């Protein structure tokens, strides 16, 4: 057994001498300088790695971007949208120009059908738009759908056809519709 004590110090004999730890047997504790360095270096490394991952994520192209539609897909989407517009235009024209007669119940029925044609027609236009529809046409069809909804809800709320707001809405709808007709040729 080796002892690290100086030779002139007395060493106790017996079991108590072995129970006391010696300075040389104590576990080595990290120096405060090393702990301080680790406390600053580790978070810095983590921050640099996180920054690198963020830059990579921002600069890589999105993996779920749908491919651009082909010319045929664009033509088919435009055709479907224009066909839907034609059906809505016909339905609204038929229902808003129906002969009301003089019977008050018939007048209400015709008005209800006109409102229904506008409300359902606006949704039908939106339902038949796909991402492949050219953006100008899609924007105009959204505008027509909104105008039809506005006309229908205002009519249902009791706004008369002669109301300045309804007249302006109808004028906007007619102007937008004329542009849709040109694009759908």
Protein backbone atom coordinates (compact mmCIF):
# COMPACT_ATOMS: atom_id res chain seq x y z
CA UNK A 1 0.00 0.00 0.00
CA UNK A 2 1.38 3.35 -0.93
CA UNK A 3 0.68 6.52 0.91
CA UNK A 4 1.08 9.98 -0.34
CA UNK A 5 1.77 11.47 3.03
CA UNK A 6 5.13 12.93 3.91
CA UNK A 7 7.54 10.50 5.56
CA UNK A 8 7.76 12.46 8.82
CA UNK A 9 3.95 12.45 9.31
CA UNK A 10 2.54 9.72 11.43
CA UNK A 11 0.31 7.25 9.70
CA UNK A 12 -2.44 5.68 11.78
CA UNK A 13 -2.52 1.94 11.79
CA UNK A 14 -5.62 -0.15 11.66
CA UNK A 15 -8.98 -0.07 9.83
CA UNK A 16 -9.57 3.64 10.40
CA UNK A 17 -6.52 4.44 8.35
CA UNK A 18 -8.02 2.77 5.30
CA UNK A 19 -11.45 4.42 5.68
CA UNK A 20 -10.19 7.96 5.34
CA UNK A 21 -9.83 9.16 1.77
CA UNK A 22 -6.53 10.52 0.67
CA UNK A 23 -6.22 13.60 -1.48
CA UNK A 24 -4.75 11.51 -4.25
CA UNK A 25 -7.78 9.20 -4.24
CA UNK A 26 -10.35 12.02 -4.67
CA UNK A 27 -12.12 12.12 -8.08
CA UNK A 28 -10.87 14.77 -10.41
CA UNK A 29 -13.37 17.63 -10.78
CA UNK A 30 -13.36 19.70 -13.96
CA UNK A 31 -11.75 23.01 -13.60
CA UNK A 32 -14.11 26.01 -13.61
CA UNK A 33 -12.49 27.28 -16.82
CA UNK A 34 -13.45 24.10 -18.72
CA UNK A 35 -17.03 24.25 -17.44
CA UNK A 36 -17.28 27.89 -18.50
CA UNK A 37 -15.93 27.09 -21.96
CA UNK A 38 -18.38 24.21 -22.42
CA UNK A 39 -21.24 26.42 -21.25
CA UNK A 40 -20.48 28.91 -24.00
CA UNK A 41 -19.29 26.62 -26.79
CA UNK A 42 -22.11 24.05 -26.70
CA UNK A 43 -24.99 26.55 -27.11
CA UNK A 44 -23.02 28.34 -29.81
CA UNK A 45 -22.54 25.11 -31.76
CA UNK A 46 -26.23 24.28 -31.36
CA UNK A 47 -27.19 27.75 -32.62
CA UNK A 48 -24.91 27.44 -35.65
CA UNK A 49 -26.35 24.03 -36.53
CA UNK A 50 -29.92 25.37 -36.15
CA UNK A 51 -29.08 28.35 -38.35
CA UNK A 52 -27.65 26.05 -41.00
CA UNK A 53 -30.79 23.90 -40.98
CA UNK A 54 -32.99 27.00 -41.23
CA UNK A 55 -31.04 28.36 -44.18
CA UNK A 56 -31.21 24.99 -45.90
CA UNK A 57 -34.98 24.77 -45.33
CA UNK A 58 -35.55 28.26 -46.70
CA UNK A 59 -33.40 27.87 -49.79
CA UNK A 60 -34.40 24.41 -50.96
CA UNK A 61 -37.20 24.21 -53.49
CA UNK A 62 -40.53 23.02 -52.10
CA UNK A 63 -41.00 19.33 -52.70
CA UNK A 64 -44.79 19.36 -52.85
CA UNK A 65 -45.21 22.03 -55.54
CA UNK A 66 -47.61 20.70 -58.14
CA UNK A 67 -46.32 20.70 -61.69
CA UNK A 68 -47.52 23.44 -64.00
CA UNK A 69 -50.59 22.43 -65.99
CA UNK A 70 -50.10 21.45 -69.59
CA UNK A 71 -51.68 23.39 -72.46
CA UNK A 72 -54.30 20.66 -72.79
CA UNK A 73 -55.15 20.83 -69.06
CA UNK A 74 -55.46 24.61 -69.29
CA UNK A 75 -57.75 24.33 -72.33
CA UNK A 76 -59.93 21.70 -70.64
CA UNK A 77 -60.16 23.71 -67.40
CA UNK A 78 -61.03 26.86 -69.33
CA UNK A 79 -63.68 24.92 -71.28
CA UNK A 80 -65.29 23.59 -68.09
CA UNK A 81 -65.28 27.05 -66.50
CA UNK A 82 -66.75 28.68 -69.61
CA UNK A 83 -69.41 25.96 -69.93
CA UNK A 84 -70.36 26.51 -66.28
CA UNK A 85 -70.57 30.26 -66.93
CA UNK A 86 -72.82 29.65 -69.94
CA UNK A 87 -75.19 27.48 -67.91
CA UNK A 88 -75.33 30.00 -65.05
CA UNK A 89 -75.90 32.89 -67.45
CA UNK A 90 -78.75 31.00 -69.13
CA UNK A 91 -80.33 30.00 -65.83
CA UNK A 92 -80.20 33.51 -64.40
CA UNK A 93 -81.56 35.02 -67.64
CA UNK A 94 -84.44 32.53 -67.81
CA UNK A 95 -85.41 32.97 -64.18
CA UNK A 96 -85.09 36.75 -64.00
CA UNK A 97 -86.97 37.37 -67.24
CA UNK A 98 -89.85 34.98 -66.65
CA UNK A 99 -93.37 36.37 -67.09
CA UNK A 100 -94.68 37.12 -63.63
CA UNK A 101 -98.23 37.84 -64.62
CA UNK A 102 -100.48 39.56 -62.13
CA UNK A 103 -100.88 36.81 -59.59
CA UNK A 104 -98.97 37.84 -56.43
CA UNK A 105 -98.02 34.24 -55.70
CA UNK A 106 -96.60 33.85 -59.21
CA UNK A 107 -94.63 37.08 -58.75
CA UNK A 108 -93.11 35.69 -55.54
CA UNK A 109 -92.35 32.33 -57.18
CA UNK A 110 -90.59 33.98 -60.11
CA UNK A 111 -88.59 36.20 -57.75
CA UNK A 112 -87.64 33.18 -55.64
CA UNK A 113 -86.48 31.27 -58.71
CA UNK A 114 -84.40 34.25 -59.85
CA UNK A 115 -82.71 34.47 -56.45
CA UNK A 116 -82.15 30.73 -56.42
CA UNK A 117 -80.58 30.86 -59.88
CA UNK A 118 -78.21 33.61 -58.74
CA UNK A 119 -77.26 31.89 -55.46
CA UNK A 120 -76.79 28.41 -56.91
CA UNK A 121 -75.19 29.83 -60.04
CA UNK A 122 -72.54 31.68 -58.05
CA UNK A 123 -71.56 28.49 -56.25
CA UNK A 124 -71.58 26.52 -59.50
CA UNK A 125 -69.08 28.97 -61.01
CA UNK A 126 -66.72 28.60 -58.06
CA UNK A 127 -67.09 24.82 -58.05
CA UNK A 128 -66.01 24.65 -61.69
CA UNK A 129 -62.82 26.66 -61.25
CA UNK A 130 -59.59 24.74 -61.05
CA UNK A 131 -56.00 25.95 -60.67
CA UNK A 132 -55.52 25.34 -64.40
CA UNK A 133 -58.05 28.03 -65.38
CA UNK A 134 -56.13 31.08 -66.65
CA UNK A 135 -55.83 33.61 -63.84
CA UNK A 136 -57.60 36.48 -65.63
CA UNK A 137 -60.63 34.33 -66.42
CA UNK A 138 -60.64 32.82 -62.92
CA UNK A 139 -60.59 36.28 -61.37
CA UNK A 140 -63.48 37.45 -63.53
CA UNK A 141 -65.53 34.34 -62.73
CA UNK A 142 -64.91 34.87 -59.02
CA UNK A 143 -66.12 38.44 -59.49
CA UNK A 144 -69.27 37.26 -61.32
CA UNK A 145 -69.93 34.75 -58.53
CA UNK A 146 -69.55 37.45 -55.88
CA UNK A 147 -71.81 39.86 -57.79
CA UNK A 148 -74.49 37.17 -58.13
CA UNK A 149 -74.29 36.39 -54.41
CA UNK A 150 -74.53 40.07 -53.52
CA UNK A 151 -77.53 40.58 -55.79
CA UNK A 152 -79.27 37.48 -54.39
CA UNK A 153 -78.68 38.20 -50.70
CA UNK A 154 -79.71 41.83 -51.06
CA UNK A 155 -82.88 40.79 -52.90
CA UNK A 156 -83.61 38.23 -50.19
CA UNK A 157 -83.09 40.99 -47.60
CA UNK A 158 -85.79 43.07 -49.30
CA UNK A 159 -83.66 45.41 -51.41
CA UNK A 160 -85.67 46.40 -54.47
CA UNK A 161 -84.41 46.19 -58.04
CA UNK A 162 -84.52 50.01 -58.29
CA UNK A 163 -82.21 50.47 -55.28
CA UNK A 164 -79.02 52.34 -56.26
CA UNK A 165 -76.83 49.61 -54.75
CA UNK A 166 -78.62 46.86 -56.68
CA UNK A 167 -78.43 48.89 -59.89
CA UNK A 168 -74.67 49.36 -59.39
CA UNK A 169 -74.20 45.64 -58.63
CA UNK A 170 -76.13 44.68 -61.75
CA UNK A 171 -74.08 47.12 -63.83
CA UNK A 172 -70.82 45.63 -62.43
CA UNK A 173 -72.11 42.13 -63.17
CA UNK A 174 -72.95 43.04 -66.77
CA UNK A 175 -69.53 44.65 -67.37
CA UNK A 176 -67.67 41.67 -65.90
CA UNK A 177 -69.87 39.24 -67.82
CA UNK A 178 -69.04 40.95 -71.09
CA UNK A 179 -65.32 40.41 -70.38
CA UNK A 180 -65.94 36.74 -69.53
CA UNK A 181 -67.79 36.25 -72.81
CA UNK A 182 -64.79 37.66 -74.70
CA UNK A 183 -62.34 35.39 -72.88
CA UNK A 184 -64.51 32.33 -73.40
CA UNK A 185 -64.60 32.70 -77.19
